[in-house]
């Protein structure tokens, strides 16, 4: 009996000891768990503050951009005020922001006149609210620009005089290439170069890849069609760029218009001239182009029908073969003047090809291509009136 009692006592004591240990372990665990939870919460808050601090530092910091003039320009990471000097980049800027034009506080007044005749005024009406830094595109008023307190200025990289004045202001100024730069003045390439430089300025590298790829597909399709056209069906052509006091200015070798004609696979009869060349009408009569393209209303207020009907005062167009055959095409203002670099460039090539080779492009869905492009990349539904203006000569 004693042995049995002793054994039972030992078992009971062991059970009590185990219960006590378990109870103490549970008491110690609860505070530890609370402490750990508190620690996690503090760490999370600290991480958030650190992340916010880094973001603030990034926005308040700067980065270096190499512009098209080869200059290394330190620009702020946060850009909220932009002034544009001379460079016709407004439409490309709008395309970069997919249908809007934020941050622009000033540009030349003459650009507003151009915008008022384009779809751009309806897509980004805020552009018409910006201040006029000057009127003429070639003028520069640095005092007016400084008053606008811009974070950056965009200017024509080939204008060295403006570059020096802008640099003296201390405001970061980024040069965008037009003609006369080291790279060819090919408008199909130039608008893409502008977009990629905007990516660098705003710190958004790769943002415009899908837009550029979509444009490239249009260009490739058009060029593939042109390649199959025999040489004897390729008309000689000329672009009348301006008409000042009765003196014609044509697109000679190396300027935007010359590259458009190269892409079309036609002969530029004015290629013996260089740049935007002033010539006589006697010279044009000798060249006698089979197609005459006249610049859009942004640079040349000359209508196709007036040329065909020979109603331009003081000028005789009637002996030119293109006029006789009524193959005179007045480029329109879609997003911008279609002969200068602009984000519509792939559409411009398609439009030119449809008018140059009407038979070979009779099945090309130009209207659909234009409507889809504007809707998908500018977020804008083209009106029938606007479309009629773009396709005016089809």
Protein backbone atom coordinates (compact mmCIF):
# COMPACT_ATOMS: atom_id res chain seq x y z
CA UNK A 1 0.00 0.00 0.00
CA UNK A 2 2.85 2.42 0.79
CA UNK A 3 4.50 1.77 -2.56
CA UNK A 4 1.28 2.40 -4.37
CA UNK A 5 0.69 5.64 -2.41
CA UNK A 6 4.25 6.81 -3.01
CA UNK A 7 3.97 6.19 -6.74
CA UNK A 8 0.68 8.04 -6.92
CA UNK A 9 2.20 10.98 -5.04
CA UNK A 10 5.09 11.23 -7.50
CA UNK A 11 2.70 11.20 -10.47
CA UNK A 12 0.53 13.89 -8.92
CA UNK A 13 3.52 16.11 -8.14
CA UNK A 14 4.78 15.76 -11.72
CA UNK A 15 1.41 16.77 -13.11
CA UNK A 16 1.29 19.88 -10.91
CA UNK A 17 4.82 20.87 -11.92
CA UNK A 18 4.02 20.45 -15.62
CA UNK A 19 0.88 22.55 -15.25
CA UNK A 20 2.84 25.31 -13.53
CA UNK A 21 5.54 25.36 -16.22
CA UNK A 22 2.92 25.51 -18.95
CA UNK A 23 1.14 28.34 -17.20
CA UNK A 24 4.38 30.33 -16.81
CA UNK A 25 5.30 29.71 -20.44
CA UNK A 26 1.94 31.08 -21.58
CA UNK A 27 2.33 34.17 -19.37
CA UNK A 28 5.75 34.91 -20.83
CA UNK A 29 4.60 34.39 -24.42
CA UNK A 30 1.82 36.98 -24.49
CA UNK A 31 3.94 40.08 -23.72
CA UNK A 32 6.60 38.89 -26.16
CA UNK A 33 4.01 38.57 -28.89
CA UNK A 34 2.70 42.12 -28.23
CA UNK A 35 6.21 43.50 -28.30
CA UNK A 36 6.94 41.82 -31.60
CA UNK A 37 3.70 43.15 -33.10
CA UNK A 38 4.52 46.66 -31.91
CA UNK A 39 8.00 46.33 -33.39
CA UNK A 40 6.58 45.34 -36.78
CA UNK A 41 4.18 48.29 -36.77
CA UNK A 42 6.98 50.75 -35.95
CA UNK A 43 9.19 49.29 -38.65
CA UNK A 44 6.40 49.57 -41.25
CA UNK A 45 5.81 53.22 -40.40
CA UNK A 46 9.53 53.91 -40.61
CA UNK A 47 9.72 52.22 -44.00
CA UNK A 48 6.84 54.35 -45.28
CA UNK A 49 8.49 57.55 -44.04
CA UNK A 50 11.75 56.51 -45.66
CA UNK A 51 9.97 55.75 -48.95
CA UNK A 52 8.16 59.11 -48.87
CA UNK A 53 11.43 60.86 -48.09
CA UNK A 54 13.16 59.18 -51.04
CA UNK A 55 10.28 60.13 -53.33
CA UNK A 56 10.47 63.76 -52.14
CA UNK A 57 14.23 63.78 -52.71
CA UNK A 58 13.77 62.36 -56.20
CA UNK A 59 11.20 65.03 -57.11
CA UNK A 60 13.29 67.83 -55.64
CA UNK A 61 16.47 66.53 -57.29
CA UNK A 62 17.85 66.90 -60.81
CA UNK A 63 19.11 64.74 -63.65
CA UNK A 64 21.31 65.39 -66.68
CA UNK A 65 19.99 65.35 -70.25
CA UNK A 66 22.11 65.45 -73.41
CA UNK A 67 20.18 67.54 -75.94
CA UNK A 68 20.37 67.54 -79.74
CA UNK A 69 23.03 70.25 -79.68
CA UNK A 70 25.24 67.92 -77.64
CA UNK A 71 24.87 69.99 -74.47
CA UNK A 72 24.67 68.34 -71.06
CA UNK A 73 21.79 70.09 -69.33
CA UNK A 74 20.86 69.62 -65.68
CA UNK A 75 17.08 69.67 -65.42
CA UNK A 76 14.78 69.34 -62.40
CA UNK A 77 13.10 65.99 -61.82
CA UNK A 78 9.81 67.77 -61.21
CA UNK A 79 8.86 69.94 -64.18
CA UNK A 80 5.72 72.05 -63.91
CA UNK A 81 6.41 75.09 -66.11
CA UNK A 82 7.62 74.88 -69.71
CA UNK A 83 8.36 77.61 -72.25
CA UNK A 84 8.86 76.82 -75.94
CA UNK A 85 11.10 79.04 -78.06
CA UNK A 86 10.90 78.77 -81.85
CA UNK A 87 10.81 74.96 -82.10
CA UNK A 88 7.48 73.72 -83.58
CA UNK A 89 7.13 70.95 -81.03
CA UNK A 90 3.68 71.69 -79.59
CA UNK A 91 1.89 68.84 -81.37
CA UNK A 92 4.64 66.35 -80.53
CA UNK A 93 4.51 67.51 -76.92
CA UNK A 94 0.75 66.88 -76.91
CA UNK A 95 1.29 63.39 -78.35
CA UNK A 96 3.80 62.71 -75.56
CA UNK A 97 1.06 63.44 -73.00
CA UNK A 98 -1.49 61.40 -75.00
CA UNK A 99 -3.97 64.12 -75.83
CA UNK A 100 -3.17 66.95 -73.43
CA UNK A 101 -0.51 69.63 -73.11
CA UNK A 102 0.21 70.24 -69.42
CA UNK A 103 2.81 72.57 -67.95
CA UNK A 104 3.23 74.86 -71.01
CA UNK A 105 3.12 78.48 -69.82
CA UNK A 106 4.40 80.31 -72.90
CA UNK A 107 5.37 80.18 -76.58
CA UNK A 108 5.31 82.42 -79.66
CA UNK A 109 2.00 83.98 -80.68
CA UNK A 110 2.38 82.96 -84.32
CA UNK A 111 2.08 79.32 -83.25
CA UNK A 112 -1.37 80.09 -81.85
CA UNK A 113 -2.51 81.16 -85.30
CA UNK A 114 -1.34 77.83 -86.68
CA UNK A 115 -2.99 75.88 -83.86
CA UNK A 116 -6.29 77.67 -84.46
CA UNK A 117 -6.49 76.02 -87.89
CA UNK A 118 -5.70 72.49 -86.68
CA UNK A 119 -7.36 69.69 -84.74
CA UNK A 120 -4.88 70.49 -81.98
CA UNK A 121 -7.05 73.38 -80.78
CA UNK A 122 -9.82 70.88 -79.98
CA UNK A 123 -7.60 68.14 -78.58
CA UNK A 124 -5.61 70.38 -76.22
CA UNK A 125 -7.48 73.71 -75.92
CA UNK A 126 -5.32 74.61 -72.93
CA UNK A 127 -2.58 75.54 -75.41
CA UNK A 128 -4.55 78.63 -76.41
CA UNK A 129 -4.47 79.82 -72.80
CA UNK A 130 -0.66 80.01 -72.58
CA UNK A 131 1.10 83.35 -72.65
CA UNK A 132 2.72 84.80 -75.76
CA UNK A 133 6.45 85.15 -75.12
CA UNK A 134 6.82 86.89 -78.49
CA UNK A 135 4.75 87.00 -81.66
CA UNK A 136 7.05 85.89 -84.48
CA UNK A 137 8.54 82.42 -84.25
CA UNK A 138 12.07 83.75 -84.83
CA UNK A 139 11.90 86.46 -82.13
CA UNK A 140 13.16 86.08 -78.58
CA UNK A 141 12.23 88.12 -75.51
CA UNK A 142 14.17 86.70 -72.61
CA UNK A 143 12.63 89.19 -70.15
CA UNK A 144 9.14 87.90 -70.91
CA UNK A 145 10.32 84.32 -70.61
CA UNK A 146 11.94 84.92 -67.21
CA UNK A 147 8.68 86.47 -65.94
CA UNK A 148 6.95 83.16 -66.61
CA UNK A 149 9.37 81.39 -64.23
CA UNK A 150 9.81 78.26 -66.37
CA UNK A 151 11.49 75.14 -65.03
CA UNK A 152 12.80 74.39 -68.54
CA UNK A 153 12.90 75.98 -71.99
CA UNK A 154 12.74 74.05 -75.27
CA UNK A 155 14.45 75.75 -78.22
CA UNK A 156 15.76 75.16 -81.75
CA UNK A 157 19.13 73.44 -81.31
CA UNK A 158 20.40 75.01 -84.54
CA UNK A 159 19.81 78.57 -83.33
CA UNK A 160 23.10 79.32 -81.59
CA UNK A 161 22.21 82.96 -80.96
CA UNK A 162 19.11 81.99 -79.00
CA UNK A 163 21.06 79.26 -77.23
CA UNK A 164 23.55 81.79 -75.83
CA UNK A 165 20.83 84.15 -74.63
CA UNK A 166 18.84 81.36 -73.03
CA UNK A 167 21.94 79.94 -71.34
CA UNK A 168 22.68 83.35 -69.80
CA UNK A 169 19.29 83.24 -68.07
CA UNK A 170 20.36 80.28 -65.96
CA UNK A 171 17.16 78.43 -66.84
CA UNK A 172 17.78 74.85 -68.09
CA UNK A 173 17.37 75.02 -71.87
CA UNK A 174 17.10 71.92 -74.07
CA UNK A 175 17.82 72.08 -77.80
CA UNK A 176 15.67 70.09 -80.22
CA UNK A 177 17.02 69.49 -83.73
CA UNK A 178 15.20 70.72 -86.84
CA UNK A 179 17.13 71.28 -90.08
CA UNK A 180 20.83 72.04 -90.17
CA UNK A 181 21.64 69.54 -87.44
CA UNK A 182 24.22 66.76 -87.64
CA UNK A 183 21.48 64.21 -88.31
CA UNK A 184 19.32 64.25 -91.48
CA UNK A 185 16.18 66.42 -91.40
CA UNK A 186 13.94 63.46 -92.06
CA UNK A 187 10.52 64.30 -90.56
CA UNK A 188 9.66 60.62 -90.11
CA UNK A 189 12.71 60.23 -87.89
CA UNK A 190 12.75 63.70 -86.39
CA UNK A 191 9.43 63.48 -84.54
CA UNK A 192 10.61 60.22 -82.94
CA UNK A 193 13.87 61.89 -81.86
CA UNK A 194 11.82 64.67 -80.27
CA UNK A 195 9.68 62.17 -78.40
CA UNK A 196 12.72 60.28 -77.09
CA UNK A 197 14.32 63.52 -75.91
CA UNK A 198 11.09 64.38 -74.09
CA UNK A 199 11.34 60.98 -72.40
CA UNK A 200 14.79 61.95 -71.13
CA UNK A 201 13.64 65.38 -69.98
CA UNK A 202 10.68 64.04 -68.01
CA UNK A 203 12.54 60.94 -66.81
CA UNK A 204 10.19 58.47 -68.50
CA UNK A 205 12.41 56.47 -70.82
CA UNK A 206 10.49 54.06 -73.05
CA UNK A 207 7.13 55.77 -72.54
CA UNK A 208 6.51 56.32 -76.27
CA UNK A 209 7.63 52.91 -77.57
CA UNK A 210 4.14 51.66 -78.48
CA UNK A 211 3.28 54.94 -80.21
CA UNK A 212 6.47 54.89 -82.26
CA UNK A 213 6.02 51.22 -83.15
CA UNK A 214 2.46 51.85 -84.39
CA UNK A 215 3.71 54.67 -86.61
CA UNK A 216 6.54 52.54 -87.95
CA UNK A 217 4.04 49.86 -89.00
CA UNK A 218 2.12 52.40 -91.08
CA UNK A 219 5.32 53.63 -92.71
CA UNK A 220 6.52 50.10 -93.52
CA UNK A 221 3.17 49.21 -95.08
CA UNK A 222 3.19 52.31 -97.28
CA UNK A 223 6.81 51.83 -98.33
CA UNK A 224 6.22 48.20 -99.22
CA UNK A 225 3.49 49.28 -101.60
CA UNK A 226 5.69 51.98 -103.12
CA UNK A 227 8.54 49.54 -103.74
CA UNK A 228 6.36 47.61 -106.18
CA UNK A 229 5.62 50.65 -108.34
CA UNK A 230 7.71 50.77 -111.55
CA UNK A 231 9.93 53.79 -112.23
CA UNK A 232 7.90 54.92 -115.24
CA UNK A 233 4.88 55.45 -112.97
CA UNK A 234 6.74 57.67 -110.53
CA UNK A 235 6.02 61.33 -111.32
CA UNK A 236 8.49 64.19 -110.94
CA UNK A 237 7.50 66.41 -108.02
CA UNK A 238 8.11 69.70 -106.30
CA UNK A 239 7.08 71.28 -103.01
CA UNK A 240 6.24 74.98 -102.97
CA UNK A 241 7.17 75.80 -99.39
CA UNK A 242 6.40 79.53 -99.31
CA UNK A 243 5.40 82.36 -101.61
CA UNK A 244 6.63 85.72 -100.35
CA UNK A 245 5.77 88.84 -102.37
CA UNK A 246 5.47 86.73 -105.49
CA UNK A 247 8.85 85.03 -104.96
CA UNK A 248 8.58 81.23 -104.58
CA UNK A 249 10.55 79.30 -101.98
CA UNK A 250 10.91 75.59 -102.71
CA UNK A 251 12.05 72.56 -100.75
CA UNK A 252 15.53 71.90 -102.05
CA UNK A 253 18.07 69.31 -101.03
CA UNK A 254 18.27 68.34 -97.37
CA UNK A 255 15.09 69.86 -95.89
CA UNK A 256 11.90 68.23 -94.65
CA UNK A 257 10.11 68.35 -98.00
CA UNK A 258 13.03 66.76 -99.82
CA UNK A 259 12.91 63.80 -97.44
CA UNK A 260 9.16 63.41 -97.94
CA UNK A 261 9.72 63.13 -101.69
CA UNK A 262 12.53 60.63 -101.12
CA UNK A 263 10.18 58.47 -99.04
CA UNK A 264 7.65 58.66 -101.88
CA UNK A 265 10.26 57.40 -104.33
CA UNK A 266 9.78 60.35 -106.70
CA UNK A 267 12.26 62.81 -108.19
CA UNK A 268 12.48 66.20 -106.48
CA UNK A 269 12.95 68.57 -109.43
CA UNK A 270 14.30 71.19 -106.99
CA UNK A 271 17.04 68.94 -105.61
CA UNK A 272 19.69 71.00 -107.40
CA UNK A 273 18.81 73.79 -104.97
CA UNK A 274 19.81 73.48 -101.33
CA UNK A 275 17.65 74.06 -98.30
CA UNK A 276 14.58 76.28 -98.43
CA UNK A 277 15.64 77.96 -101.66
CA UNK A 278 14.23 81.06 -103.32
CA UNK A 279 13.92 80.54 -107.05
CA UNK A 280 12.22 82.20 -110.00
CA UNK A 281 9.04 81.02 -111.68
CA UNK A 282 11.06 80.76 -114.88
CA UNK A 283 13.13 78.09 -113.15
CA UNK A 284 9.96 76.27 -112.04
CA UNK A 285 8.67 76.37 -115.63
CA UNK A 286 11.89 74.66 -116.73
CA UNK A 287 11.62 72.02 -114.03
CA UNK A 288 7.95 71.52 -114.98
CA UNK A 289 6.98 69.07 -112.20
CA UNK A 290 4.23 66.53 -112.83
CA UNK A 291 3.01 66.89 -109.24
CA UNK A 292 3.00 70.11 -107.25
CA UNK A 293 2.59 70.00 -103.48
CA UNK A 294 1.89 73.34 -101.84
CA UNK A 295 2.48 73.87 -98.14
CA UNK A 296 -0.34 73.98 -95.62
CA UNK A 297 -2.03 77.14 -94.31
CA UNK A 298 0.37 77.36 -91.40
CA UNK A 299 3.09 78.64 -93.75
CA UNK A 300 1.41 79.28 -97.08
CA UNK A 301 -2.10 80.65 -97.52
CA UNK A 302 -2.48 79.36 -101.05
CA UNK A 303 -5.40 77.19 -102.09
CA UNK A 304 -5.26 74.33 -104.54
CA UNK A 305 -8.23 75.52 -106.59
CA UNK A 306 -6.75 79.00 -106.98
CA UNK A 307 -3.60 77.45 -108.44
CA UNK A 308 -5.48 75.10 -110.78
CA UNK A 309 -7.76 77.89 -111.98
CA UNK A 310 -4.77 80.26 -112.26
CA UNK A 311 -6.34 82.85 -109.97
CA UNK A 312 -3.24 83.81 -107.98
CA UNK A 313 -2.66 87.48 -108.61
CA UNK A 314 0.49 88.29 -110.56
CA UNK A 315 1.55 84.66 -111.03
CA UNK A 316 1.00 82.33 -113.97
CA UNK A 317 0.78 78.69 -112.90
CA UNK A 318 -1.04 77.55 -116.05
CA UNK A 319 1.97 76.27 -118.02
CA UNK A 320 3.14 73.85 -115.31
CA UNK A 321 2.31 70.23 -116.16
CA UNK A 322 1.01 69.50 -112.65
CA UNK A 323 -1.47 72.35 -112.98
CA UNK A 324 -2.59 71.24 -116.44
CA UNK A 325 -3.28 67.75 -115.09
CA UNK A 326 -4.81 69.15 -111.89
CA UNK A 327 -2.26 67.27 -109.84
CA UNK A 328 -1.81 70.04 -107.32
CA UNK A 329 -2.09 68.95 -103.69
CA UNK A 330 -2.42 71.34 -100.80
CA UNK A 331 -1.12 69.71 -97.62
CA UNK A 332 -3.42 70.22 -94.72
CA UNK A 333 -3.04 70.95 -91.05
CA UNK A 334 -3.94 67.81 -89.15
CA UNK A 335 -2.09 67.85 -85.87
CA UNK A 336 0.32 70.46 -87.23
CA UNK A 337 1.71 71.59 -90.57
CA UNK A 338 2.09 68.20 -92.24
CA UNK A 339 5.39 68.97 -94.00
CA UNK A 340 7.28 69.77 -90.79
CA UNK A 341 8.09 67.17 -88.09
CA UNK A 342 4.95 66.25 -86.19
CA UNK A 343 3.42 63.15 -84.58
CA UNK A 344 1.13 62.65 -87.61
CA UNK A 345 4.20 61.87 -89.76
CA UNK A 346 3.20 58.26 -90.60
CA UNK A 347 -0.23 59.54 -91.67
CA UNK A 348 1.39 62.24 -93.79
CA UNK A 349 3.35 59.64 -95.74
CA UNK A 350 0.18 57.62 -96.30
CA UNK A 351 -1.67 60.76 -97.45
CA UNK A 352 1.13 61.73 -99.83
CA UNK A 353 1.31 58.22 -101.27
CA UNK A 354 -2.46 58.05 -101.84
CA UNK A 355 -2.32 61.27 -103.86
CA UNK A 356 0.91 60.48 -105.69
CA UNK A 357 -0.12 56.95 -106.64
CA UNK A 358 -3.96 56.97 -106.71
CA UNK A 359 -4.27 53.70 -108.63
CA UNK A 360 -1.78 51.73 -106.55
CA UNK A 361 -3.32 53.03 -103.29
CA UNK A 362 -6.98 52.88 -104.38
CA UNK A 363 -7.68 50.20 -101.76
CA UNK A 364 -5.71 51.85 -98.95
CA UNK A 365 -8.03 52.61 -95.96
CA UNK A 366 -6.62 56.08 -95.31
CA UNK A 367 -9.62 57.45 -93.44
CA UNK A 368 -9.76 54.43 -91.11
CA UNK A 369 -6.02 54.61 -90.46
CA UNK A 370 -6.25 58.31 -89.54
CA UNK A 371 -9.31 57.88 -87.31
CA UNK A 372 -7.80 54.93 -85.44
CA UNK A 373 -4.48 56.73 -84.94
CA UNK A 374 -6.14 59.82 -83.44
CA UNK A 375 -8.46 57.79 -81.24
CA UNK A 376 -5.86 55.35 -79.93
CA UNK A 377 -3.00 57.77 -79.32
CA UNK A 378 -4.55 61.22 -78.90
CA UNK A 379 -7.81 60.05 -77.32
CA UNK A 380 -9.69 62.10 -79.89
CA UNK A 381 -12.57 61.29 -82.25
CA UNK A 382 -12.03 63.16 -85.51
CA UNK A 383 -15.13 64.99 -86.73
CA UNK A 384 -16.36 64.53 -90.29
CA UNK A 385 -15.48 68.15 -91.01
CA UNK A 386 -11.91 67.65 -89.79
CA UNK A 387 -11.60 64.45 -91.81
CA UNK A 388 -12.84 66.21 -94.92
CA UNK A 389 -10.12 68.80 -94.41
CA UNK A 390 -7.41 66.16 -94.04
CA UNK A 391 -8.57 64.18 -97.08
CA UNK A 392 -9.52 67.28 -99.07
CA UNK A 393 -8.09 66.12 -102.34
CA UNK A 394 -8.95 62.45 -102.39
